[in-house]
Amino acid sequence: GRGRGRGRRREEEAHFYDEAGAVYSDDDEGIMAAIAASMADAESGGAAHDFDARAAVAAAFDRPFGEGRGRSSGGGSSTWASVARQDAFERGRPVDAKSVRQEQDWAYERSLAADRLKAEEMLRRKREQEEEERRLREEEALKAQLEQEKAAKTAALKLARQKLLAQKQSRLPAEPVPGEAKYITIAVRMPHGVRQSRRFRTTDLLQSVFDFIDLKADQLAQGKGGAGVEIDLDQDGEPRMRPGGYRLISQFPTRSFREVIEGSNAGPPNGVDITDMEKTLSEVGITTDLAFLVDMNV
């Protein structure tokens, strides 16, 4: 009788092992190891061994042995089978190697996608940074080029003005001495309030009056006009009063005179300006002492 009882137990446990193997995959190593241990203990015999084996199965299921789900501590392999079937039911589907591999593949694909997005974002930021750096370099290069061109233009204008002033200095006739016949005195109020005057012969050219004023304006700009003289400068730091950039206006009688110089950035004559610099003072009607105002609105 005892031998036949042990034989039936081995048959039941073998049946349960096969049934559990259909539910659990080889990945459930704890469960399958517990079942294998149970069968080995059943072969060796002994209630204590049988009890320990079933406790190992319950521990693999992560449930207290002999409690819950209507199991008793003395249940046999059929109780273990019901535990396996119930656990599989609660899992919702059989846990097999294929499902595990699919989940691993999905996780791997999601990781790859996340890495790809991260790499694309890093590449986008790098391109934006490189584009910003390139734009800044181009702006700096353009700014430097414009500054160089501006400096070159200012230097060229200054050199041209110096040559022109040198010409004016060389052609300005000597000032008549007091008591000399046929001379007049011309006074000019400069834009910065300084009054300049000089004697001229009536046979001197109108050009001589403008040459005198331009040379005096240059002296004032160089600080040779005395303390307290403020010079009006343009945006380039150069004196606004320059050759060809103003007109002389007399009030009694009212007349305007202007020297037209190419490249002076001044507008065209207004139609009433006397611009013929080759005429003498007497030819333009200046035969007596006269006072001029400098008009910069040209």
C-alpha atoms as a PDB file:
ATOM      1  CA  GLY A   1       0.000   0.000   0.000  1.00  0.00           C
ATOM      2  CA  ARG A   2       2.726   2.439   0.878  1.00  0.00           C
ATOM      3  CA  GLY A   3       4.506   1.820  -2.405  1.00  0.00           C
ATOM      4  CA  ARG A   4       1.321   2.382  -4.401  1.00  0.00           C
ATOM      5  CA  GLY A   5       0.734   5.694  -2.513  1.00  0.00           C
ATOM      6  CA  ARG A   6       4.162   6.941  -3.374  1.00  0.00           C
ATOM      7  CA  GLY A   7       3.663   5.971  -6.979  1.00  0.00           C
ATOM      8  CA  ARG A   8       0.446   7.987  -7.209  1.00  0.00           C
ATOM      9  CA  ARG A   9       2.162  11.017  -5.653  1.00  0.00           C
ATOM     10  CA  ARG A  10       4.950  10.835  -8.219  1.00  0.00           C
ATOM     11  CA  GLU A  11       2.394  10.630 -10.996  1.00  0.00           C
ATOM     12  CA  GLU A  12       0.466  13.641  -9.607  1.00  0.00           C
ATOM     13  CA  GLU A  13       3.621  15.709  -9.162  1.00  0.00           C
ATOM     14  CA  ALA A  14       4.816  14.810 -12.651  1.00  0.00           C
ATOM     15  CA  HIS A  15       1.439  15.861 -14.006  1.00  0.00           C
ATOM     16  CA  PHE A  16       1.654  19.136 -12.065  1.00  0.00           C
ATOM     17  CA  TYR A  17       5.194  19.738 -13.286  1.00  0.00           C
ATOM     18  CA  ASP A  18       4.078  19.311 -16.885  1.00  0.00           C
ATOM     19  CA  GLU A  19       1.038  21.565 -16.294  1.00  0.00           C
ATOM     20  CA  ALA A  20       3.127  24.247 -14.569  1.00  0.00           C
ATOM     21  CA  GLY A  21       5.722  24.086 -17.319  1.00  0.00           C
ATOM     22  CA  ALA A  22       2.993  24.936 -19.832  1.00  0.00           C
ATOM     23  CA  VAL A  23       2.081  28.029 -17.821  1.00  0.00           C
ATOM     24  CA  TYR A  24       5.474  29.278 -16.697  1.00  0.00           C
ATOM     25  CA  SER A  25       8.464  29.756 -18.922  1.00  0.00           C
ATOM     26  CA  ASP A  26      12.024  28.876 -18.123  1.00  0.00           C
ATOM     27  CA  ASP A  27      12.480  32.477 -17.021  1.00  0.00           C
ATOM     28  CA  ASP A  28      10.451  31.709 -13.851  1.00  0.00           C
ATOM     29  CA  GLU A  29      13.459  29.957 -12.433  1.00  0.00           C
ATOM     30  CA  GLY A  30      12.281  30.124  -8.830  1.00  0.00           C
ATOM     31  CA  ILE A  31       8.982  28.393  -9.531  1.00  0.00           C
ATOM     32  CA  MET A  32      10.441  25.690 -11.739  1.00  0.00           C
ATOM     33  CA  ALA A  33      13.264  25.048  -9.274  1.00  0.00           C
ATOM     34  CA  ALA A  34      10.728  24.647  -6.460  1.00  0.00           C
ATOM     35  CA  ILE A  35       8.704  22.166  -8.498  1.00  0.00           C
ATOM     36  CA  ALA A  36      11.824  20.198  -9.369  1.00  0.00           C
ATOM     37  CA  ALA A  37      12.809  20.147  -5.698  1.00  0.00           C
ATOM     38  CA  SER A  38       9.340  18.933  -4.791  1.00  0.00           C
ATOM     39  CA  MET A  39       9.601  15.986  -7.164  1.00  0.00           C
ATOM     40  CA  ALA A  40      13.054  15.139  -5.859  1.00  0.00           C
ATOM     41  CA  ASP A  41      11.797  15.207  -2.276  1.00  0.00           C
ATOM     42  CA  ALA A  42       8.838  13.055  -3.215  1.00  0.00           C
ATOM     43  CA  GLU A  43      11.294  10.498  -4.643  1.00  0.00           C
ATOM     44  CA  SER A  44      13.296  10.454  -1.401  1.00  0.00           C
ATOM     45  CA  GLY A  45      10.108  10.248   0.702  1.00  0.00           C
ATOM     46  CA  GLY A  46       9.152  11.752   3.972  1.00  0.00           C
ATOM     47  CA  ALA A  47       6.401  14.107   5.011  1.00  0.00           C
ATOM     48  CA  ALA A  48       8.896  16.696   6.157  1.00  0.00           C
ATOM     49  CA  HIS A  49      10.518  16.699   2.749  1.00  0.00           C
ATOM     50  CA  ASP A  50       7.160  16.956   1.076  1.00  0.00           C
ATOM     51  CA  PHE A  51       6.151  19.846   3.325  1.00  0.00           C
ATOM     52  CA  ASP A  52       9.412  21.700   2.683  1.00  0.00           C
ATOM     53  CA  ALA A  53       9.096  21.270  -1.077  1.00  0.00           C
ATOM     54  CA  ARG A  54       5.542  22.636  -1.138  1.00  0.00           C
ATOM     55  CA  ALA A  55       6.706  25.566   1.055  1.00  0.00           C
ATOM     56  CA  ALA A  56       9.425  26.269  -1.521  1.00  0.00           C
ATOM     57  CA  VAL A  57       6.782  26.394  -4.255  1.00  0.00           C
ATOM     58  CA  ALA A  58       4.681  28.777  -2.177  1.00  0.00           C
ATOM     59  CA  ALA A  59       7.717  30.983  -1.603  1.00  0.00           C
ATOM     60  CA  ALA A  60       8.380  30.988  -5.345  1.00  0.00           C
ATOM     61  CA  PHE A  61       4.801  32.160  -5.847  1.00  0.00           C
ATOM     62  CA  ASP A  62       5.469  34.879  -3.233  1.00  0.00           C
ATOM     63  CA  ARG A  63       2.507  33.703  -1.119  1.00  0.00           C
ATOM     64  CA  PRO A  64       2.301  32.269   2.404  1.00  0.00           C
ATOM     65  CA  PHE A  65       2.271  28.521   2.224  1.00  0.00           C
ATOM     66  CA  GLY A  66      -1.117  27.004   3.182  1.00  0.00           C
ATOM     67  CA  GLU A  67      -2.980  30.362   3.267  1.00  0.00           C
ATOM     68  CA  GLY A  68      -5.356  32.040   0.807  1.00  0.00           C
ATOM     69  CA  ARG A  69      -7.063  30.788  -2.276  1.00  0.00           C
ATOM     70  CA  GLY A  70      -8.722  27.980  -0.267  1.00  0.00           C
ATOM     71  CA  ARG A  71      -5.498  26.000   0.110  1.00  0.00           C
ATOM     72  CA  SER A  72      -4.781  23.878   3.132  1.00  0.00           C
ATOM     73  CA  SER A  73      -1.373  23.053   4.435  1.00  0.00           C
ATOM     74  CA  GLY A  74      -1.963  19.468   3.601  1.00  0.00           C
ATOM     75  CA  GLY A  75      -2.940  19.961  -0.014  1.00  0.00           C
ATOM     76  CA  GLY A  76      -1.113  17.866  -2.499  1.00  0.00           C
ATOM     77  CA  SER A  77       0.123  18.497  -5.984  1.00  0.00           C
ATOM     78  CA  SER A  78      -3.385  19.387  -7.169  1.00  0.00           C
ATOM     79  CA  THR A  79      -3.243  22.339  -4.769  1.00  0.00           C
ATOM     80  CA  TRP A  80       0.054  23.372  -6.302  1.00  0.00           C
ATOM     81  CA  ALA A  81      -1.471  23.158  -9.757  1.00  0.00           C
ATOM     82  CA  SER A  82      -4.350  25.405  -8.737  1.00  0.00           C
ATOM     83  CA  VAL A  83      -1.808  27.901  -7.397  1.00  0.00           C
ATOM     84  CA  ALA A  84      -0.014  27.906 -10.722  1.00  0.00           C
ATOM     85  CA  ARG A  85      -3.268  28.281 -12.676  1.00  0.00           C
ATOM     86  CA  GLN A  86      -4.476  31.105 -10.403  1.00  0.00           C
ATOM     87  CA  ASP A  87      -1.156  32.923 -10.641  1.00  0.00           C
ATOM     88  CA  ALA A  88      -1.201  32.696 -14.413  1.00  0.00           C
ATOM     89  CA  PHE A  89      -4.790  33.995 -14.436  1.00  0.00           C
ATOM     90  CA  GLU A  90      -3.832  36.993 -12.313  1.00  0.00           C
ATOM     91  CA  ARG A  91      -0.937  37.711 -14.605  1.00  0.00           C
ATOM     92  CA  GLY A  92      -3.408  37.951 -17.449  1.00  0.00           C
ATOM     93  CA  ARG A  93      -1.422  35.889 -19.877  1.00  0.00           C
ATOM     94  CA  PRO A  94       1.113  33.088 -19.926  1.00  0.00           C
ATOM     95  CA  VAL A  95       4.629  34.337 -19.227  1.00  0.00           C
ATOM     96  CA  ASP A  96       6.726  32.745 -21.918  1.00  0.00           C
ATOM     97  CA  ALA A  97      10.144  33.412 -23.381  1.00  0.00           C
ATOM     98  CA  LYS A  98       8.678  34.946 -26.567  1.00  0.00           C
ATOM     99  CA  SER A  99       6.757  37.581 -24.607  1.00  0.00           C
ATOM    100  CA  VAL A 100       9.810  38.423 -22.568  1.00  0.00           C
ATOM    101  CA  ARG A 101      11.901  38.791 -25.711  1.00  0.00           C
ATOM    102  CA  GLN A 102       9.230  41.014 -27.267  1.00  0.00           C
ATOM    103  CA  GLU A 103       9.155  43.246 -24.211  1.00  0.00           C
ATOM    104  CA  GLN A 104      12.923  43.401 -24.263  1.00  0.00           C
ATOM    105  CA  ASP A 105      12.860  44.288 -27.961  1.00  0.00           C
ATOM    106  CA  TRP A 106      10.247  47.008 -27.355  1.00  0.00           C
ATOM    107  CA  ALA A 107      12.275  48.426 -24.484  1.00  0.00           C
ATOM    108  CA  TYR A 108      15.376  48.353 -26.670  1.00  0.00           C
ATOM    109  CA  GLU A 109      13.550  50.139 -29.516  1.00  0.00           C
ATOM    110  CA  ARG A 110      12.232  52.759 -27.106  1.00  0.00           C
ATOM    111  CA  SER A 111      15.732  53.269 -25.748  1.00  0.00           C
ATOM    112  CA  LEU A 112      17.094  53.608 -29.285  1.00  0.00           C
ATOM    113  CA  ALA A 113      14.362  56.108 -30.176  1.00  0.00           C
ATOM    114  CA  ALA A 114      15.108  58.155 -27.042  1.00  0.00           C
ATOM    115  CA  ASP A 115      18.828  58.102 -27.812  1.00  0.00           C
ATOM    116  CA  ARG A 116      18.106  59.086 -31.408  1.00  0.00           C
ATOM    117  CA  LEU A 117      15.933  62.035 -30.321  1.00  0.00           C
ATOM    118  CA  LYS A 118      18.582  63.100 -27.818  1.00  0.00           C
ATOM    119  CA  ALA A 119      21.290  62.923 -30.483  1.00  0.00           C
ATOM    120  CA  GLU A 120      19.143  64.893 -32.943  1.00  0.00           C
ATOM    121  CA  GLU A 121      18.473  67.553 -30.301  1.00  0.00           C
ATOM    122  CA  MET A 122      22.170  67.827 -29.492  1.00  0.00           C
ATOM    123  CA  LEU A 123      22.977  68.096 -33.193  1.00  0.00           C
ATOM    124  CA  ARG A 124      20.313  70.785 -33.663  1.00  0.00           C
ATOM    125  CA  ARG A 125      21.674  72.811 -30.767  1.00  0.00           C
ATOM    126  CA  LYS A 126      25.207  72.415 -32.067  1.00  0.00           C
ATOM    127  CA  ARG A 127      24.163  73.642 -35.521  1.00  0.00           C
ATOM    128  CA  GLU A 128      22.317  76.594 -33.998  1.00  0.00           C
ATOM    129  CA  GLN A 129      25.363  77.470 -31.910  1.00  0.00           C
ATOM    130  CA  GLU A 130      27.648  77.197 -34.941  1.00  0.00           C
ATOM    131  CA  GLU A 131      25.240  79.338 -36.993  1.00  0.00           C
ATOM    132  CA  GLU A 132      25.138  81.976 -34.245  1.00  0.00           C
ATOM    133  CA  GLU A 133      28.928  81.969 -33.976  1.00  0.00           C
ATOM    134  CA  ARG A 134      29.216  82.292 -37.770  1.00  0.00           C
ATOM    135  CA  ARG A 135      26.727  85.183 -37.790  1.00  0.00           C
ATOM    136  CA  LEU A 136      28.657  86.964 -35.036  1.00  0.00           C
ATOM    137  CA  ARG A 137      31.928  86.482 -36.900  1.00  0.00           C
ATOM    138  CA  GLU A 138      30.398  87.901 -40.066  1.00  0.00           C
ATOM    139  CA  GLU A 139      28.972  90.859 -38.164  1.00  0.00           C
ATOM    140  CA  GLU A 140      32.332  91.538 -36.544  1.00  0.00           C
ATOM    141  CA  ALA A 141      34.100  91.240 -39.891  1.00  0.00           C
ATOM    142  CA  LEU A 142      31.576  93.585 -41.551  1.00  0.00           C
ATOM    143  CA  LYS A 143      31.858  96.043 -38.677  1.00  0.00           C
ATOM    144  CA  ALA A 144      35.644  96.001 -38.910  1.00  0.00           C
ATOM    145  CA  GLN A 145      35.446  96.475 -42.683  1.00  0.00           C
ATOM    146  CA  LEU A 146      33.081  99.447 -42.334  1.00  0.00           C
ATOM    147  CA  GLU A 147      35.297 101.009 -39.696  1.00  0.00           C
ATOM    148  CA  GLN A 148      38.324 100.578 -41.942  1.00  0.00           C
ATOM    149  CA  GLU A 149      36.468 102.108 -44.882  1.00  0.00           C
ATOM    150  CA  LYS A 150      35.272 104.980 -42.714  1.00  0.00           C
ATOM    151  CA  ALA A 151      38.763 105.584 -41.366  1.00  0.00           C
ATOM    152  CA  ALA A 152      40.201 105.469 -44.881  1.00  0.00           C
ATOM    153  CA  LYS A 153      37.551 107.897 -46.144  1.00  0.00           C
ATOM    154  CA  THR A 154      38.140 110.278 -43.223  1.00  0.00           C
ATOM    155  CA  ALA A 155      41.890 110.132 -43.786  1.00  0.00           C
ATOM    156  CA  ALA A 156      41.428 110.819 -47.507  1.00  0.00           C
ATOM    157  CA  LEU A 157      39.147 113.794 -46.842  1.00  0.00           C
ATOM    158  CA  LYS A 158      41.560 115.152 -44.262  1.00  0.00           C
ATOM    159  CA  LEU A 159      44.476 114.824 -46.672  1.00  0.00           C
ATOM    160  CA  ALA A 160      42.499 116.517 -49.446  1.00  0.00           C
ATOM    161  CA  ARG A 161      41.526 119.347 -47.089  1.00  0.00           C
ATOM    162  CA  GLN A 162      45.150 119.818 -46.038  1.00  0.00           C
ATOM    163  CA  LYS A 163      46.227 120.054 -49.677  1.00  0.00           C
ATOM    164  CA  LEU A 164      43.454 122.540 -50.366  1.00  0.00           C
ATOM    165  CA  LEU A 165      44.408 124.672 -47.372  1.00  0.00           C
ATOM    166  CA  ALA A 166      48.017 124.608 -48.536  1.00  0.00           C
ATOM    167  CA  GLN A 167      46.865 125.929 -51.928  1.00  0.00           C
ATOM    168  CA  LYS A 168      44.803 128.635 -50.242  1.00  0.00           C
ATOM    169  CA  GLN A 169      47.773 129.658 -48.117  1.00  0.00           C
ATOM    170  CA  SER A 170      50.052 129.903 -51.138  1.00  0.00           C
ATOM    171  CA  ARG A 171      47.677 132.054 -53.222  1.00  0.00           C
ATOM    172  CA  LEU A 172      46.435 134.407 -50.492  1.00  0.00           C
ATOM    173  CA  PRO A 173      47.854 137.857 -51.316  1.00  0.00           C
ATOM    174  CA  ALA A 174      49.721 139.852 -48.729  1.00  0.00           C
ATOM    175  CA  GLU A 175      47.598 142.063 -46.529  1.00  0.00           C
ATOM    176  CA  PRO A 176      47.746 145.793 -47.422  1.00  0.00           C
ATOM    177  CA  VAL A 177      49.577 147.965 -44.909  1.00  0.00           C
ATOM    178  CA  PRO A 178      47.681 150.807 -43.190  1.00  0.00           C
ATOM    179  CA  GLY A 179      47.684 153.959 -45.287  1.00  0.00           C
ATOM    180  CA  GLU A 180      47.833 152.076 -48.585  1.00  0.00           C
ATOM    181  CA  ALA A 181      45.347 153.395 -51.139  1.00  0.00           C
ATOM    182  CA  LYS A 182      42.274 151.461 -52.283  1.00  0.00           C
ATOM    183  CA  TYR A 183      41.906 148.896 -49.537  1.00  0.00           C
ATOM    184  CA  ILE A 184      38.903 147.919 -47.446  1.00  0.00           C
ATOM    185  CA  THR A 185      38.356 145.992 -44.203  1.00  0.00           C
ATOM    186  CA  ILE A 186      36.221 142.851 -44.200  1.00  0.00           C
ATOM    187  CA  ALA A 187      34.992 141.454 -40.882  1.00  0.00           C
ATOM    188  CA  VAL A 188      33.552 137.958 -40.427  1.00  0.00           C
ATOM    189  CA  ARG A 189      31.709 136.510 -37.427  1.00  0.00           C
ATOM    190  CA  MET A 190      32.535 132.783 -37.276  1.00  0.00           C
ATOM    191  CA  PRO A 191      29.979 130.122 -36.140  1.00  0.00           C
ATOM    192  CA  HIS A 192      31.705 129.748 -32.767  1.00  0.00           C
ATOM    193  CA  GLY A 193      31.369 133.487 -32.070  1.00  0.00           C
ATOM    194  CA  VAL A 194      34.933 134.533 -32.865  1.00  0.00           C
ATOM    195  CA  ARG A 195      35.237 137.691 -34.960  1.00  0.00           C
ATOM    196  CA  GLN A 196      37.945 137.792 -37.621  1.00  0.00           C
ATOM    197  CA  SER A 197      38.898 140.772 -39.802  1.00  0.00           C
ATOM    198  CA  ARG A 198      41.458 141.559 -42.506  1.00  0.00           C
ATOM    199  CA  ARG A 199      42.341 144.288 -44.991  1.00  0.00           C
ATOM    200  CA  PHE A 200      41.901 143.568 -48.716  1.00  0.00           C
ATOM    201  CA  ARG A 201      42.508 145.563 -51.861  1.00  0.00           C
ATOM    202  CA  THR A 202      39.447 146.068 -54.036  1.00  0.00           C
ATOM    203  CA  THR A 203      41.468 144.480 -56.833  1.00  0.00           C
ATOM    204  CA  ASP A 204      41.854 141.246 -54.877  1.00  0.00           C
ATOM    205  CA  LEU A 205      39.755 138.300 -56.015  1.00  0.00           C
ATOM    206  CA  LEU A 206      36.617 137.172 -54.154  1.00  0.00           C
ATOM    207  CA  GLN A 207      38.491 133.879 -53.754  1.00  0.00           C
ATOM    208  CA  SER A 208      40.939 135.642 -51.405  1.00  0.00           C
ATOM    209  CA  VAL A 209      38.172 136.366 -48.862  1.00  0.00           C
ATOM    210  CA  PHE A 210      37.195 132.660 -48.700  1.00  0.00           C
ATOM    211  CA  ASP A 211      40.841 131.614 -48.509  1.00  0.00           C
ATOM    212  CA  PHE A 212      41.356 133.878 -45.519  1.00  0.00           C
ATOM    213  CA  ILE A 213      38.255 132.559 -43.725  1.00  0.00           C
ATOM    214  CA  ASP A 214      39.140 128.899 -44.361  1.00  0.00           C
ATOM    215  CA  LEU A 215      42.670 129.350 -43.029  1.00  0.00           C
ATOM    216  CA  LYS A 216      41.391 131.094 -39.880  1.00  0.00           C
ATOM    217  CA  ALA A 217      38.797 128.333 -39.326  1.00  0.00           C
ATOM    218  CA  ASP A 218      41.545 125.706 -39.557  1.00  0.00           C
ATOM    219  CA  GLN A 219      43.666 127.574 -37.017  1.00  0.00           C
ATOM    220  CA  LEU A 220      40.730 127.724 -34.613  1.00  0.00           C
ATOM    221  CA  ALA A 221      40.102 123.981 -35.079  1.00  0.00           C
ATOM    222  CA  GLN A 222      43.740 123.305 -34.148  1.00  0.00           C
ATOM    223  CA  GLY A 223      43.341 125.289 -30.948  1.00  0.00           C
ATOM    224  CA  LYS A 224      45.209 128.368 -32.141  1.00  0.00           C
ATOM    225  CA  GLY A 225      42.272 130.711 -31.675  1.00  0.00           C
ATOM    226  CA  GLY A 226      42.732 131.144 -27.939  1.00  0.00           C
ATOM    227  CA  ALA A 227      41.097 129.633 -24.867  1.00  0.00           C
ATOM    228  CA  GLY A 228      37.319 129.212 -24.607  1.00  0.00           C
ATOM    229  CA  VAL A 229      36.727 128.683 -28.340  1.00  0.00           C
ATOM    230  CA  GLU A 230      34.373 125.724 -28.944  1.00  0.00           C
ATOM    231  CA  ILE A 231      34.529 124.089 -32.361  1.00  0.00           C
ATOM    232  CA  ASP A 232      31.401 122.445 -33.797  1.00  0.00           C
ATOM    233  CA  LEU A 233      32.314 118.924 -34.890  1.00  0.00           C
ATOM    234  CA  ASP A 234      30.479 116.462 -37.136  1.00  0.00           C
ATOM    235  CA  GLN A 235      29.795 112.774 -36.434  1.00  0.00           C
ATOM    236  CA  ASP A 236      33.298 111.864 -37.608  1.00  0.00           C
ATOM    237  CA  GLY A 237      34.916 114.278 -35.156  1.00  0.00           C
ATOM    238  CA  GLU A 238      35.880 116.721 -37.895  1.00  0.00           C
ATOM    239  CA  PRO A 239      35.081 120.477 -37.851  1.00  0.00           C
ATOM    240  CA  ARG A 240      31.747 121.183 -39.516  1.00  0.00           C
ATOM    241  CA  MET A 241      33.066 124.436 -40.960  1.00  0.00           C
ATOM    242  CA  ARG A 242      35.224 123.389 -43.871  1.00  0.00           C
ATOM    243  CA  PRO A 243      36.029 124.779 -47.329  1.00  0.00           C
ATOM    244  CA  GLY A 244      32.934 124.815 -49.541  1.00  0.00           C
ATOM    245  CA  GLY A 245      30.599 124.031 -46.635  1.00  0.00           C
ATOM    246  CA  TYR A 246      29.210 127.502 -45.917  1.00  0.00           C
ATOM    247  CA  ARG A 247      28.137 130.804 -47.470  1.00  0.00           C
ATOM    248  CA  LEU A 248      28.883 134.430 -46.549  1.00  0.00           C
ATOM    249  CA  ILE A 249      25.910 136.716 -46.084  1.00  0.00           C
ATOM    250  CA  SER A 250      26.092 140.526 -45.965  1.00  0.00           C
ATOM    251  CA  GLN A 251      23.147 142.488 -44.571  1.00  0.00           C
ATOM    252  CA  PHE A 252      23.751 145.989 -45.943  1.00  0.00           C
ATOM    253  CA  PRO A 253      23.263 145.360 -48.794  1.00  0.00           C
ATOM    254  CA  THR A 254      21.840 141.838 -48.459  1.00  0.00           C
ATOM    255  CA  ARG A 255      23.863 139.493 -50.627  1.00  0.00           C
ATOM    256  CA  SER A 256      25.250 135.972 -50.366  1.00  0.00           C
ATOM    257  CA  PHE A 257      28.544 134.593 -51.611  1.00  0.00           C
ATOM    258  CA  ARG A 258      29.600 130.985 -51.814  1.00  0.00           C
ATOM    259  CA  GLU A 259      32.625 128.986 -52.923  1.00  0.00           C
ATOM    260  CA  VAL A 260      31.592 125.787 -54.656  1.00  0.00           C
ATOM    261  CA  ILE A 261      34.085 122.970 -54.094  1.00  0.00           C
ATOM    262  CA  GLU A 262      33.590 119.529 -55.554  1.00  0.00           C
ATOM    263  CA  GLY A 263      33.399 116.830 -52.904  1.00  0.00           C
ATOM    264  CA  SER A 264      32.481 119.193 -50.049  1.00  0.00           C
ATOM    265  CA  ASN A 265      29.158 117.329 -49.446  1.00  0.00           C
ATOM    266  CA  ALA A 266      27.329 120.674 -49.625  1.00  0.00           C
ATOM    267  CA  GLY A 267      24.189 121.243 -51.628  1.00  0.00           C
ATOM    268  CA  PRO A 268      24.044 123.210 -54.903  1.00  0.00           C
ATOM    269  CA  PRO A 269      23.922 127.014 -54.908  1.00  0.00           C
ATOM    270  CA  ASN A 270      20.489 128.497 -54.175  1.00  0.00           C
ATOM    271  CA  GLY A 271      20.333 130.620 -57.319  1.00  0.00           C
ATOM    272  CA  VAL A 272      21.199 133.943 -55.687  1.00  0.00           C
ATOM    273  CA  ASP A 273      24.640 133.014 -54.432  1.00  0.00           C
ATOM    274  CA  ILE A 274      27.549 134.727 -56.099  1.00  0.00           C
ATOM    275  CA  THR A 275      29.941 131.874 -56.855  1.00  0.00           C
ATOM    276  CA  ASP A 276      32.407 133.354 -59.368  1.00  0.00           C
ATOM    277  CA  MET A 277      35.605 133.327 -57.353  1.00  0.00           C
ATOM    278  CA  GLU A 278      37.619 134.809 -60.248  1.00  0.00           C
ATOM    279  CA  LYS A 279      35.928 138.201 -60.019  1.00  0.00           C
ATOM    280  CA  THR A 280      37.505 141.028 -58.050  1.00  0.00           C
ATOM    281  CA  LEU A 281      35.871 142.562 -55.012  1.00  0.00           C
ATOM    282  CA  SER A 282      35.013 145.718 -56.916  1.00  0.00           C
ATOM    283  CA  GLU A 283      33.446 143.592 -59.699  1.00  0.00           C
ATOM    284  CA  VAL A 284      31.062 141.942 -57.225  1.00  0.00           C
ATOM    285  CA  GLY A 285      30.195 145.303 -55.625  1.00  0.00           C
ATOM    286  CA  ILE A 286      32.411 145.168 -52.536  1.00  0.00           C
ATOM    287  CA  THR A 287      34.149 148.539 -52.476  1.00  0.00           C
ATOM    288  CA  THR A 288      33.724 149.607 -48.853  1.00  0.00           C
ATOM    289  CA  ASP A 289      34.179 148.040 -45.429  1.00  0.00           C
ATOM    290  CA  LEU A 290      31.754 145.126 -45.009  1.00  0.00           C
ATOM    291  CA  ALA A 291      30.720 142.618 -42.340  1.00  0.00           C
ATOM    292  CA  PHE A 292      29.753 139.024 -43.129  1.00  0.00           C
ATOM    293  CA  LEU A 293      27.926 136.287 -41.261  1.00  0.00           C
ATOM    294  CA  VAL A 294      28.804 132.642 -41.840  1.00  0.00           C
ATOM    295  CA  ASP A 295      25.776 130.528 -42.792  1.00  0.00           C
ATOM    296  CA  MET A 296      26.313 126.770 -42.370  1.00  0.00           C
ATOM    297  CA  ASN A 297      22.912 125.784 -43.808  1.00  0.00           C
ATOM    298  CA  VAL A 298      24.049 124.853 -47.282  1.00  0.00           C
END
